[in-house]
Protein backbone atom coordinates (compact mmCIF):
# COMPACT_ATOMS: atom_id res chain seq x y z
CA MET A 1 5.14 -5.36 30.32
CA LYS A 2 3.44 -6.99 27.37
CA ILE A 3 -0.16 -8.15 27.03
CA LEU A 4 -1.74 -10.31 24.31
CA ILE A 5 -5.47 -9.87 23.67
CA VAL A 6 -7.11 -12.81 21.86
CA GLU A 7 -10.54 -11.37 21.14
CA ASP A 8 -12.68 -11.16 17.98
CA GLU A 9 -15.00 -8.33 19.08
CA PRO A 10 -13.32 -5.23 17.55
CA GLU A 11 -15.02 -2.73 19.85
CA LEU A 12 -14.04 -4.58 23.03
CA LYS A 13 -10.55 -5.26 21.75
CA ASN A 14 -10.03 -1.58 20.90
CA THR A 15 -11.40 -0.40 24.26
CA VAL A 16 -9.17 -2.75 26.25
CA GLN A 17 -6.14 -2.02 24.08
CA THR A 18 -6.52 1.75 24.46
CA PHE A 19 -6.96 1.42 28.22
CA LEU A 20 -3.93 -0.83 28.70
CA GLU A 21 -1.69 1.29 26.48
CA ALA A 22 -2.62 4.31 28.62
CA GLU A 23 -1.39 2.25 31.59
CA HIS A 24 1.99 1.82 29.83
CA PHE A 25 1.54 -1.77 28.67
CA ILE A 26 2.67 -2.95 25.27
CA VAL A 27 -0.42 -4.54 23.72
CA GLU A 28 -0.54 -7.10 20.91
CA PHE A 29 -3.73 -8.68 19.65
CA ALA A 30 -5.07 -11.64 17.68
CA LEU A 31 -8.61 -11.87 16.32
CA THR A 32 -8.69 -15.63 15.76
CA TYR A 33 -7.67 -18.93 17.35
CA HIS A 34 -4.93 -19.58 14.79
CA ALA A 35 -3.53 -16.04 14.93
CA GLY A 36 -3.46 -16.30 18.73
CA LEU A 37 -1.70 -19.67 18.64
CA GLU A 38 0.93 -18.35 16.22
CA LYS A 39 1.74 -15.41 18.49
CA ILE A 40 1.81 -17.56 21.63
CA ILE A 41 4.21 -20.02 19.98
CA SER A 42 6.49 -17.23 18.75
CA TYR A 43 6.57 -14.80 21.68
CA GLU A 44 6.30 -14.48 25.47
CA TYR A 45 3.76 -12.32 27.28
CA ASP A 46 3.32 -11.07 30.83
CA CYS A 47 -0.40 -11.81 30.54
CA ILE A 48 -2.78 -13.25 27.92
CA LEU A 49 -6.42 -12.11 27.83
CA LEU A 50 -8.29 -14.97 26.18
CA ASP A 51 -11.84 -15.00 24.85
CA ILE A 52 -13.56 -18.40 24.90
CA MET A 53 -15.64 -17.92 21.74
CA LEU A 54 -13.41 -17.37 18.70
CA PRO A 55 -14.50 -17.53 15.06
CA ASP A 56 -12.24 -20.46 14.16
CA GLY A 57 -11.93 -22.35 17.43
CA SER A 58 -12.38 -22.46 21.17
CA GLY A 59 -10.42 -20.40 23.65
CA MET A 60 -10.46 -23.45 25.92
CA ASP A 61 -8.66 -25.45 23.23
CA LEU A 62 -6.15 -22.63 22.84
CA LEU A 63 -5.58 -22.72 26.60
CA ARG A 64 -4.91 -26.46 26.33
CA GLU A 65 -2.34 -25.77 23.60
CA ILE A 66 -0.63 -23.19 25.83
CA LYS A 67 -0.25 -25.82 28.53
CA LYS A 68 0.97 -28.47 26.05
CA LEU A 69 3.66 -26.01 24.96
CA HIS A 70 4.66 -25.58 28.65
CA LYS A 71 4.31 -21.81 28.30
CA LYS A 72 4.35 -19.91 31.60
CA ASP A 73 2.43 -16.85 30.36
CA PRO A 74 -0.45 -16.11 32.80
CA VAL A 75 -3.91 -16.40 31.22
CA ILE A 76 -7.09 -14.55 32.16
CA ILE A 77 -10.19 -15.90 30.43
CA LEU A 78 -12.66 -13.26 29.23
CA SER A 79 -16.06 -14.76 28.49
CA ALA A 80 -19.70 -13.85 28.06
CA LYS A 81 -20.40 -17.22 29.66
CA ASP A 82 -20.61 -16.69 33.41
CA SER A 83 -21.47 -20.25 34.40
CA VAL A 84 -19.73 -22.05 37.24
CA ASP A 85 -18.94 -24.99 34.94
CA ASP A 86 -17.06 -22.76 32.49
CA LYS A 87 -15.12 -21.10 35.28
CA VAL A 88 -14.15 -24.44 36.81
CA ALA A 89 -13.21 -25.89 33.41
CA GLY A 90 -10.99 -22.92 32.55
CA LEU A 91 -9.25 -22.91 35.91
CA GLU A 92 -8.72 -26.68 35.85
CA ILE A 93 -7.17 -26.50 32.39
CA GLY A 94 -4.73 -23.94 33.74
CA ALA A 95 -6.13 -20.42 33.50
CA ASP A 96 -4.93 -18.05 36.21
CA ASP A 97 -8.20 -16.12 36.44
CA TYR A 98 -11.64 -15.81 34.85
CA LEU A 99 -13.54 -12.57 34.19
CA ALA A 100 -17.11 -12.50 32.87
CA LYS A 101 -18.24 -9.95 30.27
CA PRO A 102 -19.21 -7.20 30.63
CA PHE A 103 -16.55 -6.11 33.09
CA HIS A 104 -15.16 -2.86 34.48
CA LEU A 105 -11.75 -1.90 33.15
CA ALA A 106 -10.58 -1.14 36.69
CA GLU A 107 -11.33 -4.74 37.70
CA LEU A 108 -9.52 -6.06 34.64
CA MET A 109 -6.51 -3.94 35.56
CA ALA A 110 -6.54 -5.25 39.14
CA ARG A 111 -6.63 -8.86 37.93
CA ILE A 112 -3.83 -8.30 35.42
CA ARG A 113 -1.66 -6.76 38.10
CA SER A 114 -2.46 -9.65 40.43
CA VAL A 115 -1.37 -12.38 37.99
CA ILE A 116 1.75 -10.42 37.04
CA ARG A 117 2.66 -10.02 40.72
CA ARG A 118 2.40 -13.79 41.14
CA LYS A 119 4.45 -14.48 38.01
CA ASN A 120 7.19 -11.86 38.23
CA GLN A 121 7.24 -10.64 41.82
CA ASP A 122 6.46 -13.68 44.01
CA GLY A 123 3.20 -11.97 44.97
CA GLU A 124 4.96 -8.89 46.37
CA ASN A 125 4.10 -5.29 45.47
CA THR A 126 7.73 -4.47 44.75
CA ILE A 127 10.64 -6.32 43.22
CA SER A 128 14.28 -5.73 44.01
CA TYR A 129 17.82 -6.60 43.02
CA LYS A 130 20.70 -5.55 45.28
CA ASN A 131 19.90 -1.94 46.30
CA ILE A 132 17.46 -1.35 43.40
CA VAL A 133 13.76 -1.45 44.31
CA ILE A 134 11.02 -1.24 41.67
CA ASP A 135 7.35 -0.49 42.35
CA PRO A 136 5.61 -1.71 39.16
CA GLU A 137 2.15 -0.37 40.01
CA ASN A 138 3.47 3.20 40.33
CA ARG A 139 6.34 2.69 37.87
CA THR A 140 8.90 4.09 40.30
CA VAL A 141 12.46 3.02 41.04
CA LYS A 142 14.67 3.67 44.04
CA VAL A 143 18.38 3.05 44.38
CA GLY A 144 18.99 2.97 48.10
CA ASN A 145 16.85 5.84 49.38
CA GLU A 146 17.07 7.95 46.22
CA ASP A 147 14.58 8.11 43.35
CA LEU A 148 15.90 6.98 39.99
CA ILE A 149 14.27 9.03 37.22
CA LEU A 150 13.82 7.00 34.04
CA ASN A 151 11.96 7.44 30.79
CA ARG A 152 9.39 4.84 29.78
CA LYS A 153 11.70 2.53 27.84
CA GLU A 154 14.51 2.76 30.39
CA TYR A 155 12.06 1.73 33.09
CA ASP A 156 10.70 -1.17 31.01
CA LEU A 157 14.21 -2.34 30.23
CA LEU A 158 15.36 -2.22 33.86
CA TYR A 159 12.22 -4.04 35.04
CA TYR A 160 12.80 -6.82 32.50
CA PHE A 161 16.40 -7.27 33.63
CA VAL A 162 15.44 -7.28 37.32
CA ILE A 163 12.89 -10.08 36.84
CA HIS A 164 15.64 -12.04 35.01
CA PRO A 165 18.67 -11.29 37.22
CA GLU A 166 22.08 -12.59 36.15
CA LYS A 167 20.53 -14.26 33.10
CA THR A 168 21.94 -13.56 29.65
CA LEU A 169 19.20 -11.95 27.58
CA GLN A 170 19.44 -11.90 23.81
CA LYS A 171 19.00 -8.59 22.01
CA THR A 172 16.00 -9.96 20.11
CA THR A 173 14.37 -11.08 23.37
CA LEU A 174 14.88 -7.64 24.90
CA ALA A 175 13.54 -5.90 21.82
CA GLU A 176 10.39 -8.04 21.67
CA ALA A 177 9.74 -7.66 25.41
CA ILE A 178 10.20 -3.89 25.51
CA TRP A 179 9.23 -2.67 22.06
CA GLY A 180 6.70 -5.31 20.99
CA ASP A 181 6.46 -8.24 18.61
CA TYR A 182 6.75 -6.14 15.45
CA ILE A 183 10.32 -5.20 16.33
CA ASP A 184 11.43 -8.20 14.26
CA GLN A 185 10.83 -5.96 11.23
CA ALA A 186 13.55 -3.55 12.37
CA ASP A 187 16.75 -3.37 10.31
CA SER A 188 18.98 -3.15 13.39
CA LEU A 189 18.89 -3.60 17.16
CA ASP A 190 21.68 -1.11 17.82
CA PHE A 191 19.27 1.15 19.71
CA ILE A 192 19.37 -1.33 22.61
CA TYR A 193 23.01 -0.46 23.22
CA SER A 194 22.11 3.23 23.51
CA GLN A 195 19.31 2.52 25.98
CA ILE A 196 21.54 0.35 28.16
CA LYS A 197 24.33 2.92 28.03
CA ASN A 198 21.98 5.65 29.31
CA LEU A 199 20.50 3.36 31.97
CA ARG A 200 23.95 2.28 33.16
CA LYS A 201 25.01 5.92 33.53
CA LYS A 202 21.93 6.76 35.64
CA LEU A 203 22.44 3.70 37.86
CA LYS A 204 26.11 4.53 38.37
CA THR A 205 25.27 8.11 39.37
CA LEU A 206 23.16 6.80 42.28
CA HIS A 207 25.76 4.17 43.23
CA ALA A 208 23.66 1.16 42.26
CA GLU A 209 25.08 -2.20 43.29
CA ALA A 210 24.33 -3.62 39.84
CA ASP A 211 25.57 -3.14 36.30
CA PHE A 212 25.00 -4.52 32.81
CA GLN A 213 27.49 -6.98 31.41
CA ALA A 214 27.75 -7.37 27.66
CA VAL A 215 27.91 -10.97 26.45
CA TYR A 216 29.68 -10.75 23.11
CA GLY A 217 27.54 -11.74 20.15
CA ILE A 218 24.50 -12.51 22.31
CA GLY A 219 23.20 -9.70 24.50
CA TYR A 220 23.43 -8.48 28.08
CA LYS A 221 22.87 -9.55 31.68
CA LEU A 222 22.33 -7.74 34.97
CA VAL A 223 25.11 -8.52 37.46
């Protein structure tokens, strides 16, 4: 799952980024309003952590732009301002949550997981497709009653397909979601085929009731 941090305090940004990467998130960051807007326009995120006070604009204005663009990415406002008015304003504009600085990283993690559950899992702790059940918090997968052992990227790839069942996903979309925004600098996306081939083999071994279908010239879908 992919997080965008829009935060101009380097120390806080680095602390949060290191923590989230240790929790197996892909983390992108923007230090300014305009850099944040460019990333939000270009890519999708499972959660955006948004500072209100940015050097070249307001996080509230950036939140308004997100809503104008009809983006569905959940937003958690991070702000040194802990006033009721700011909280109400952010939530009314469309933020999913509001966390005052300073905060504990454990609380931030809990809030991120909460908004992702609402977005991707209908508020449930697990998500399933046919006889495949994924527990995102523990990063475990079962096929029927058996554990499916996956490496990090195989897990991320399967999770992304399961939250978009039977939808054709372009190779570029998969690459950005699983490997991060800078994947657009790669010369080739052939590695996706290898990952899906390995994942398909593991699913077949446990008699999964799902498989990947190649859509020629576009990408793949889970069927």
